[in-house]
Amino acid sequence: MIPIYAQDHDYSKYNVLAVDDIPLNLILVQKMLSRFNFKMRTAASGQQALDAVAAEKPDLILLDLMMPGIDGFEVIRRLREDPETADIQIVILSALNSNEDIVKGFNMGANDFIMKPIIMEKLLTCIITQMQLVAAKNK
């Protein structure tokens, strides 16, 4: 079920970067969000995510934690340390679900944490909330 407040809104002005080293996960997220016309980009590693952010700053990053090389925690740390990227909304999408991992994610600066497997309605509600925060900041 799609939230009522999501149905009649234009999300095409919002830039979302999905980061996951598993291609199927990126496809699933893109498919879930495709009907809302978000500007979607993807990255398959932490380094690709940082490069993508440097090329074009997104409004929101959907970030996996477990990736080879630069993991999601390190991506968050680097983004939060840089004044140019410190205000990007970051939602962790991860199979890591211990209290320690969740608390660490929030302490590092994540705005929200969604456990995999992803439930579309929960993801959409979270993203809409984050986009409302972006819109409020830009007023």
N, C-alpha and C. Protein backbone atom coordinates (compact mmCIF):
# COMPACT_ATOMS: atom_id res chain seq x y z
N MET A 1 0.84 -1.18 0.00
CA MET A 1 0.00 0.00 0.00
C MET A 1 0.89 1.25 0.00
N ILE A 2 0.61 2.15 -0.91
CA ILE A 2 1.37 3.39 -1.04
C ILE A 2 0.70 4.45 -0.18
N PRO A 3 1.47 5.12 0.66
CA PRO A 3 0.88 6.16 1.50
C PRO A 3 0.16 7.21 0.65
N ILE A 4 -0.98 7.67 1.14
CA ILE A 4 -1.80 8.65 0.43
C ILE A 4 -0.98 9.89 0.07
N TYR A 5 -0.17 10.36 1.00
CA TYR A 5 0.58 11.60 0.75
C TYR A 5 1.67 11.42 -0.29
N ALA A 6 1.96 10.19 -0.70
CA ALA A 6 2.99 9.95 -1.72
C ALA A 6 2.41 9.92 -3.11
N GLN A 7 1.14 9.72 -3.24
CA GLN A 7 0.54 9.44 -4.53
C GLN A 7 0.50 10.62 -5.48
N ASP A 8 0.30 11.80 -4.99
CA ASP A 8 0.11 12.95 -5.88
C ASP A 8 1.24 13.98 -5.78
N HIS A 9 2.42 13.53 -5.49
CA HIS A 9 3.53 14.45 -5.33
C HIS A 9 4.57 14.20 -6.42
N ASP A 10 5.21 15.26 -6.87
CA ASP A 10 6.25 15.14 -7.90
C ASP A 10 7.61 15.01 -7.22
N TYR A 11 8.20 13.85 -7.33
CA TYR A 11 9.51 13.60 -6.72
C TYR A 11 10.65 13.69 -7.74
N SER A 12 10.34 14.08 -8.96
CA SER A 12 11.35 14.08 -10.01
C SER A 12 12.49 15.07 -9.77
N LYS A 13 12.29 16.02 -8.87
CA LYS A 13 13.35 16.99 -8.60
C LYS A 13 14.37 16.48 -7.57
N TYR A 14 14.09 15.32 -6.98
CA TYR A 14 14.97 14.78 -5.95
C TYR A 14 15.94 13.75 -6.52
N ASN A 15 17.19 13.89 -6.13
CA ASN A 15 18.27 13.04 -6.61
C ASN A 15 18.60 12.02 -5.52
N VAL A 16 18.42 10.74 -5.83
CA VAL A 16 18.67 9.66 -4.88
C VAL A 16 19.80 8.80 -5.40
N LEU A 17 20.77 8.53 -4.52
CA LEU A 17 21.89 7.64 -4.83
C LEU A 17 21.73 6.37 -4.00
N ALA A 18 21.60 5.23 -4.68
CA ALA A 18 21.52 3.94 -4.00
C ALA A 18 22.88 3.27 -4.10
N VAL A 19 23.37 2.77 -2.96
CA VAL A 19 24.72 2.18 -2.90
C VAL A 19 24.62 0.79 -2.33
N ASP A 20 25.04 -0.20 -3.12
CA ASP A 20 25.05 -1.59 -2.67
C ASP A 20 25.97 -2.38 -3.59
N ASP A 21 26.74 -3.30 -3.04
CA ASP A 21 27.65 -4.09 -3.86
C ASP A 21 26.95 -5.29 -4.51
N ILE A 22 25.69 -5.50 -4.20
CA ILE A 22 24.93 -6.59 -4.81
C ILE A 22 24.00 -5.99 -5.85
N PRO A 23 24.26 -6.27 -7.14
CA PRO A 23 23.46 -5.65 -8.21
C PRO A 23 21.96 -5.88 -8.07
N LEU A 24 21.53 -7.05 -7.63
CA LEU A 24 20.10 -7.32 -7.48
C LEU A 24 19.46 -6.37 -6.48
N ASN A 25 20.16 -6.04 -5.41
CA ASN A 25 19.61 -5.09 -4.43
C ASN A 25 19.39 -3.72 -5.06
N LEU A 26 20.33 -3.29 -5.90
CA LEU A 26 20.18 -2.00 -6.58
C LEU A 26 18.99 -2.02 -7.53
N ILE A 27 18.82 -3.13 -8.24
CA ILE A 27 17.69 -3.27 -9.16
C ILE A 27 16.37 -3.21 -8.40
N LEU A 28 16.31 -3.90 -7.26
CA LEU A 28 15.08 -3.91 -6.46
C LEU A 28 14.72 -2.52 -5.96
N VAL A 29 15.71 -1.79 -5.46
CA VAL A 29 15.45 -0.43 -4.96
C VAL A 29 15.00 0.47 -6.12
N GLN A 30 15.68 0.37 -7.25
CA GLN A 30 15.29 1.18 -8.42
C GLN A 30 13.86 0.85 -8.83
N LYS A 31 13.52 -0.42 -8.85
CA LYS A 31 12.17 -0.82 -9.24
C LYS A 31 11.13 -0.29 -8.25
N MET A 32 11.43 -0.36 -6.96
CA MET A 32 10.51 0.13 -5.94
C MET A 32 10.23 1.62 -6.11
N LEU A 33 11.26 2.37 -6.49
CA LEU A 33 11.14 3.82 -6.55
C LEU A 33 10.79 4.36 -7.93
N SER A 34 10.83 3.51 -8.94
CA SER A 34 10.68 3.97 -10.33
C SER A 34 9.35 4.68 -10.58
N ARG A 35 8.28 4.23 -9.97
CA ARG A 35 6.98 4.85 -10.25
C ARG A 35 6.85 6.25 -9.67
N PHE A 36 7.80 6.66 -8.84
CA PHE A 36 7.74 7.99 -8.23
C PHE A 36 8.67 8.99 -8.91
N ASN A 37 9.37 8.54 -9.94
CA ASN A 37 10.19 9.41 -10.80
C ASN A 37 11.35 10.10 -10.10
N PHE A 38 11.86 9.53 -9.01
CA PHE A 38 13.07 10.07 -8.43
C PHE A 38 14.19 10.02 -9.47
N LYS A 39 15.11 10.96 -9.42
CA LYS A 39 16.32 10.86 -10.23
C LYS A 39 17.21 9.85 -9.52
N MET A 40 17.34 8.67 -10.09
CA MET A 40 18.08 7.59 -9.43
C MET A 40 19.45 7.41 -10.06
N ARG A 41 20.43 7.27 -9.19
CA ARG A 41 21.77 6.85 -9.61
C ARG A 41 22.17 5.71 -8.69
N THR A 42 23.11 4.91 -9.14
CA THR A 42 23.56 3.80 -8.31
C THR A 42 25.08 3.77 -8.24
N ALA A 43 25.56 3.14 -7.19
CA ALA A 43 26.99 2.91 -7.01
C ALA A 43 27.14 1.51 -6.40
N ALA A 44 28.18 0.80 -6.83
CA ALA A 44 28.37 -0.58 -6.40
C ALA A 44 29.44 -0.74 -5.33
N SER A 45 29.97 0.37 -4.83
CA SER A 45 30.99 0.30 -3.78
C SER A 45 31.03 1.62 -3.03
N GLY A 46 31.70 1.60 -1.90
CA GLY A 46 31.87 2.82 -1.14
C GLY A 46 32.63 3.89 -1.92
N GLN A 47 33.67 3.48 -2.63
CA GLN A 47 34.45 4.44 -3.42
C GLN A 47 33.61 5.02 -4.55
N GLN A 48 32.83 4.17 -5.23
CA GLN A 48 31.95 4.68 -6.28
C GLN A 48 30.93 5.67 -5.70
N ALA A 49 30.46 5.40 -4.50
CA ALA A 49 29.51 6.31 -3.85
C ALA A 49 30.15 7.67 -3.62
N LEU A 50 31.35 7.67 -3.08
CA LEU A 50 32.04 8.94 -2.83
C LEU A 50 32.31 9.69 -4.13
N ASP A 51 32.69 8.95 -5.18
CA ASP A 51 32.92 9.57 -6.48
C ASP A 51 31.62 10.16 -7.05
N ALA A 52 30.51 9.42 -6.89
CA ALA A 52 29.22 9.89 -7.39
C ALA A 52 28.76 11.15 -6.66
N VAL A 53 29.00 11.19 -5.35
CA VAL A 53 28.63 12.37 -4.57
C VAL A 53 29.48 13.57 -4.99
N ALA A 54 30.75 13.33 -5.27
CA ALA A 54 31.63 14.42 -5.71
C ALA A 54 31.19 14.96 -7.08
N ALA A 55 30.69 14.08 -7.93
CA ALA A 55 30.25 14.49 -9.27
C ALA A 55 28.94 15.26 -9.23
N GLU A 56 28.01 14.80 -8.41
CA GLU A 56 26.72 15.47 -8.26
C GLU A 56 26.15 15.12 -6.90
N LYS A 57 26.00 16.12 -6.07
CA LYS A 57 25.52 15.92 -4.71
C LYS A 57 24.06 15.46 -4.71
N PRO A 58 23.78 14.30 -4.13
CA PRO A 58 22.39 13.84 -4.07
C PRO A 58 21.65 14.47 -2.89
N ASP A 59 20.33 14.37 -2.93
CA ASP A 59 19.51 14.79 -1.80
C ASP A 59 19.47 13.70 -0.74
N LEU A 60 19.59 12.45 -1.20
CA LEU A 60 19.46 11.30 -0.31
C LEU A 60 20.34 10.17 -0.79
N ILE A 61 20.98 9.50 0.17
CA ILE A 61 21.76 8.30 -0.14
C ILE A 61 21.13 7.13 0.60
N LEU A 62 20.85 6.06 -0.15
CA LEU A 62 20.41 4.79 0.42
C LEU A 62 21.65 3.91 0.44
N LEU A 63 22.15 3.61 1.64
CA LEU A 63 23.52 3.08 1.77
C LEU A 63 23.56 1.73 2.47
N ASP A 64 24.14 0.76 1.77
CA ASP A 64 24.43 -0.53 2.38
C ASP A 64 25.66 -0.36 3.27
N LEU A 65 25.78 -1.17 4.29
CA LEU A 65 26.95 -1.10 5.18
C LEU A 65 28.04 -2.08 4.80
N MET A 66 27.65 -3.30 4.45
CA MET A 66 28.63 -4.35 4.19
C MET A 66 29.05 -4.34 2.73
N MET A 67 30.19 -3.72 2.48
CA MET A 67 30.75 -3.66 1.13
C MET A 67 32.25 -3.85 1.24
N PRO A 68 32.85 -4.48 0.23
CA PRO A 68 34.31 -4.62 0.26
C PRO A 68 34.99 -3.26 0.10
N GLY A 69 36.20 -3.16 0.59
CA GLY A 69 36.92 -1.89 0.50
C GLY A 69 36.37 -0.90 1.50
N ILE A 70 35.85 0.19 1.01
CA ILE A 70 35.27 1.21 1.87
C ILE A 70 33.84 0.80 2.21
N ASP A 71 33.60 0.49 3.49
CA ASP A 71 32.26 0.06 3.88
C ASP A 71 31.36 1.28 4.12
N GLY A 72 30.09 1.01 4.38
CA GLY A 72 29.13 2.08 4.56
C GLY A 72 29.43 3.00 5.73
N PHE A 73 29.93 2.44 6.82
CA PHE A 73 30.28 3.28 7.97
C PHE A 73 31.34 4.32 7.59
N GLU A 74 32.33 3.87 6.82
CA GLU A 74 33.40 4.79 6.40
C GLU A 74 32.86 5.84 5.43
N VAL A 75 31.94 5.45 4.56
CA VAL A 75 31.31 6.41 3.65
C VAL A 75 30.61 7.50 4.47
N ILE A 76 29.85 7.09 5.47
CA ILE A 76 29.16 8.07 6.32
C ILE A 76 30.17 8.99 6.99
N ARG A 77 31.22 8.42 7.56
CA ARG A 77 32.23 9.22 8.26
C ARG A 77 32.80 10.28 7.33
N ARG A 78 33.19 9.87 6.12
CA ARG A 78 33.80 10.82 5.18
C ARG A 78 32.81 11.90 4.74
N LEU A 79 31.58 11.51 4.50
CA LEU A 79 30.59 12.50 4.07
C LEU A 79 30.29 13.49 5.18
N ARG A 80 30.19 13.02 6.40
CA ARG A 80 29.87 13.92 7.53
C ARG A 80 31.04 14.84 7.88
N GLU A 81 32.25 14.43 7.59
CA GLU A 81 33.42 15.27 7.88
C GLU A 81 33.58 16.41 6.88
N ASP A 82 33.03 16.28 5.69
CA ASP A 82 33.18 17.28 4.64
C ASP A 82 32.01 18.26 4.70
N PRO A 83 32.28 19.55 4.92
CA PRO A 83 31.19 20.52 5.00
C PRO A 83 30.30 20.56 3.76
N GLU A 84 30.85 20.19 2.60
CA GLU A 84 30.07 20.19 1.36
C GLU A 84 29.03 19.07 1.31
N THR A 85 29.28 17.99 2.07
CA THR A 85 28.40 16.82 1.99
C THR A 85 27.77 16.46 3.34
N ALA A 86 28.08 17.22 4.35
CA ALA A 86 27.65 16.87 5.72
C ALA A 86 26.14 16.88 5.89
N ASP A 87 25.43 17.61 5.04
CA ASP A 87 23.98 17.73 5.21
C ASP A 87 23.16 16.77 4.35
N ILE A 88 23.80 15.88 3.62
CA ILE A 88 23.07 14.91 2.79
C ILE A 88 22.32 13.94 3.70
N GLN A 89 21.06 13.69 3.37
CA GLN A 89 20.27 12.71 4.11
C GLN A 89 20.81 11.31 3.76
N ILE A 90 21.06 10.50 4.79
CA ILE A 90 21.59 9.15 4.58
C ILE A 90 20.68 8.16 5.30
N VAL A 91 20.18 7.20 4.53
CA VAL A 91 19.39 6.11 5.08
C VAL A 91 20.16 4.82 4.84
N ILE A 92 20.46 4.13 5.93
CA ILE A 92 21.15 2.85 5.83
C ILE A 92 20.12 1.77 5.48
N LEU A 93 20.47 0.96 4.49
CA LEU A 93 19.70 -0.24 4.13
C LEU A 93 20.64 -1.41 4.32
N SER A 94 20.44 -2.19 5.37
CA SER A 94 21.44 -3.20 5.69
C SER A 94 20.84 -4.46 6.29
N ALA A 95 21.52 -5.58 6.03
CA ALA A 95 21.18 -6.84 6.69
C ALA A 95 21.77 -6.88 8.10
N LEU A 96 22.72 -6.00 8.38
CA LEU A 96 23.24 -5.90 9.75
C LEU A 96 22.11 -5.36 10.61
N ASN A 97 21.78 -6.08 11.66
CA ASN A 97 20.64 -5.62 12.44
C ASN A 97 20.83 -5.73 13.94
N SER A 98 22.09 -5.82 14.37
CA SER A 98 22.31 -5.83 15.81
C SER A 98 22.11 -4.42 16.34
N ASN A 99 21.77 -4.33 17.61
CA ASN A 99 21.63 -3.01 18.23
C ASN A 99 22.91 -2.21 18.09
N GLU A 100 24.04 -2.89 18.21
CA GLU A 100 25.34 -2.21 18.09
C GLU A 100 25.50 -1.56 16.71
N ASP A 101 25.15 -2.29 15.65
CA ASP A 101 25.28 -1.75 14.30
C ASP A 101 24.31 -0.58 14.08
N ILE A 102 23.10 -0.73 14.56
CA ILE A 102 22.10 0.33 14.39
C ILE A 102 22.54 1.60 15.12
N VAL A 103 22.96 1.45 16.37
CA VAL A 103 23.42 2.60 17.16
C VAL A 103 24.66 3.22 16.52
N LYS A 104 25.58 2.39 16.06
CA LYS A 104 26.79 2.91 15.40
C LYS A 104 26.41 3.73 14.17
N GLY A 105 25.47 3.22 13.38
CA GLY A 105 25.04 3.96 12.19
C GLY A 105 24.48 5.32 12.54
N PHE A 106 23.61 5.38 13.54
CA PHE A 106 23.06 6.67 13.95
C PHE A 106 24.13 7.57 14.55
N ASN A 107 25.01 7.01 15.35
CA ASN A 107 26.08 7.81 15.96
C ASN A 107 27.02 8.38 14.91
N MET A 108 27.18 7.69 13.81
CA MET A 108 28.07 8.18 12.75
C MET A 108 27.38 9.26 11.90
N GLY A 109 26.06 9.34 12.02
CA GLY A 109 25.36 10.41 11.30
C GLY A 109 24.27 9.97 10.35
N ALA A 110 23.89 8.69 10.35
CA ALA A 110 22.79 8.26 9.50
C ALA A 110 21.49 8.90 9.99
N ASN A 111 20.61 9.19 9.05
CA ASN A 111 19.32 9.79 9.39
C ASN A 111 18.26 8.74 9.69
N ASP A 112 18.43 7.54 9.14
CA ASP A 112 17.50 6.46 9.41
C ASP A 112 18.18 5.14 9.08
N PHE A 113 17.55 4.05 9.50
CA PHE A 113 18.12 2.71 9.34
C PHE A 113 16.98 1.76 9.00
N ILE A 114 17.07 1.12 7.85
CA ILE A 114 16.06 0.14 7.44
C ILE A 114 16.77 -1.19 7.26
N MET A 115 16.22 -2.21 7.92
CA MET A 115 16.81 -3.54 7.83
C MET A 115 16.31 -4.27 6.58
N LYS A 116 17.21 -5.03 5.98
CA LYS A 116 16.84 -5.90 4.87
C LYS A 116 16.28 -7.19 5.44
N PRO A 117 15.36 -7.85 4.77
CA PRO A 117 14.81 -7.49 3.46
C PRO A 117 13.95 -6.23 3.55
N ILE A 118 13.99 -5.46 2.49
CA ILE A 118 13.33 -4.17 2.45
C ILE A 118 11.83 -4.35 2.17
N ILE A 119 11.04 -3.67 2.97
CA ILE A 119 9.59 -3.61 2.74
C ILE A 119 9.32 -2.30 2.02
N MET A 120 8.72 -2.39 0.83
CA MET A 120 8.56 -1.21 -0.01
C MET A 120 7.87 -0.06 0.70
N GLU A 121 6.79 -0.33 1.41
CA GLU A 121 6.05 0.74 2.07
C GLU A 121 6.90 1.45 3.12
N LYS A 122 7.70 0.68 3.85
CA LYS A 122 8.57 1.27 4.87
C LYS A 122 9.65 2.13 4.21
N LEU A 123 10.25 1.60 3.14
CA LEU A 123 11.27 2.36 2.42
C LEU A 123 10.69 3.65 1.87
N LEU A 124 9.55 3.55 1.23
CA LEU A 124 8.92 4.73 0.64
C LEU A 124 8.57 5.76 1.69
N THR A 125 7.99 5.33 2.80
CA THR A 125 7.64 6.26 3.88
C THR A 125 8.88 6.95 4.41
N CYS A 126 9.96 6.20 4.59
CA CYS A 126 11.21 6.77 5.06
C CYS A 126 11.75 7.80 4.07
N ILE A 127 11.76 7.45 2.79
CA ILE A 127 12.29 8.36 1.78
C ILE A 127 11.45 9.64 1.71
N ILE A 128 10.15 9.51 1.76
CA ILE A 128 9.29 10.69 1.71
C ILE A 128 9.55 11.59 2.91
N THR A 129 9.73 11.00 4.07
CA THR A 129 10.06 11.78 5.27
C THR A 129 11.37 12.52 5.07
N GLN A 130 12.37 11.84 4.53
CA GLN A 130 13.66 12.48 4.30
C GLN A 130 13.56 13.60 3.26
N MET A 131 12.74 13.41 2.22
CA MET A 131 12.55 14.44 1.20
C MET A 131 11.83 15.66 1.78
N GLN A 132 10.91 15.43 2.71
CA GLN A 132 10.25 16.55 3.39
C GLN A 132 11.27 17.35 4.20
N LEU A 133 12.22 16.67 4.82
CA LEU A 133 13.28 17.36 5.55
C LEU A 133 14.16 18.15 4.61
N VAL A 134 14.48 17.59 3.45
CA VAL A 134 15.27 18.30 2.44
C VAL A 134 14.53 19.55 2.00
N ALA A 135 13.25 19.39 1.70
CA ALA A 135 12.45 20.54 1.25
C ALA A 135 12.39 21.63 2.32
N ALA A 136 12.26 21.22 3.58
CA ALA A 136 12.20 22.19 4.68
C ALA A 136 13.54 22.93 4.81
N LYS A 137 14.65 22.23 4.62
CA LYS A 137 15.97 22.87 4.71
C LYS A 137 16.17 23.88 3.59
N ASN A 138 15.59 23.59 2.42
CA ASN A 138 15.81 24.44 1.24
C ASN A 138 14.87 25.64 1.17
N LYS A 139 13.98 25.76 2.14
CA LYS A 139 13.05 26.91 2.12
C LYS A 139 13.73 28.16 2.60
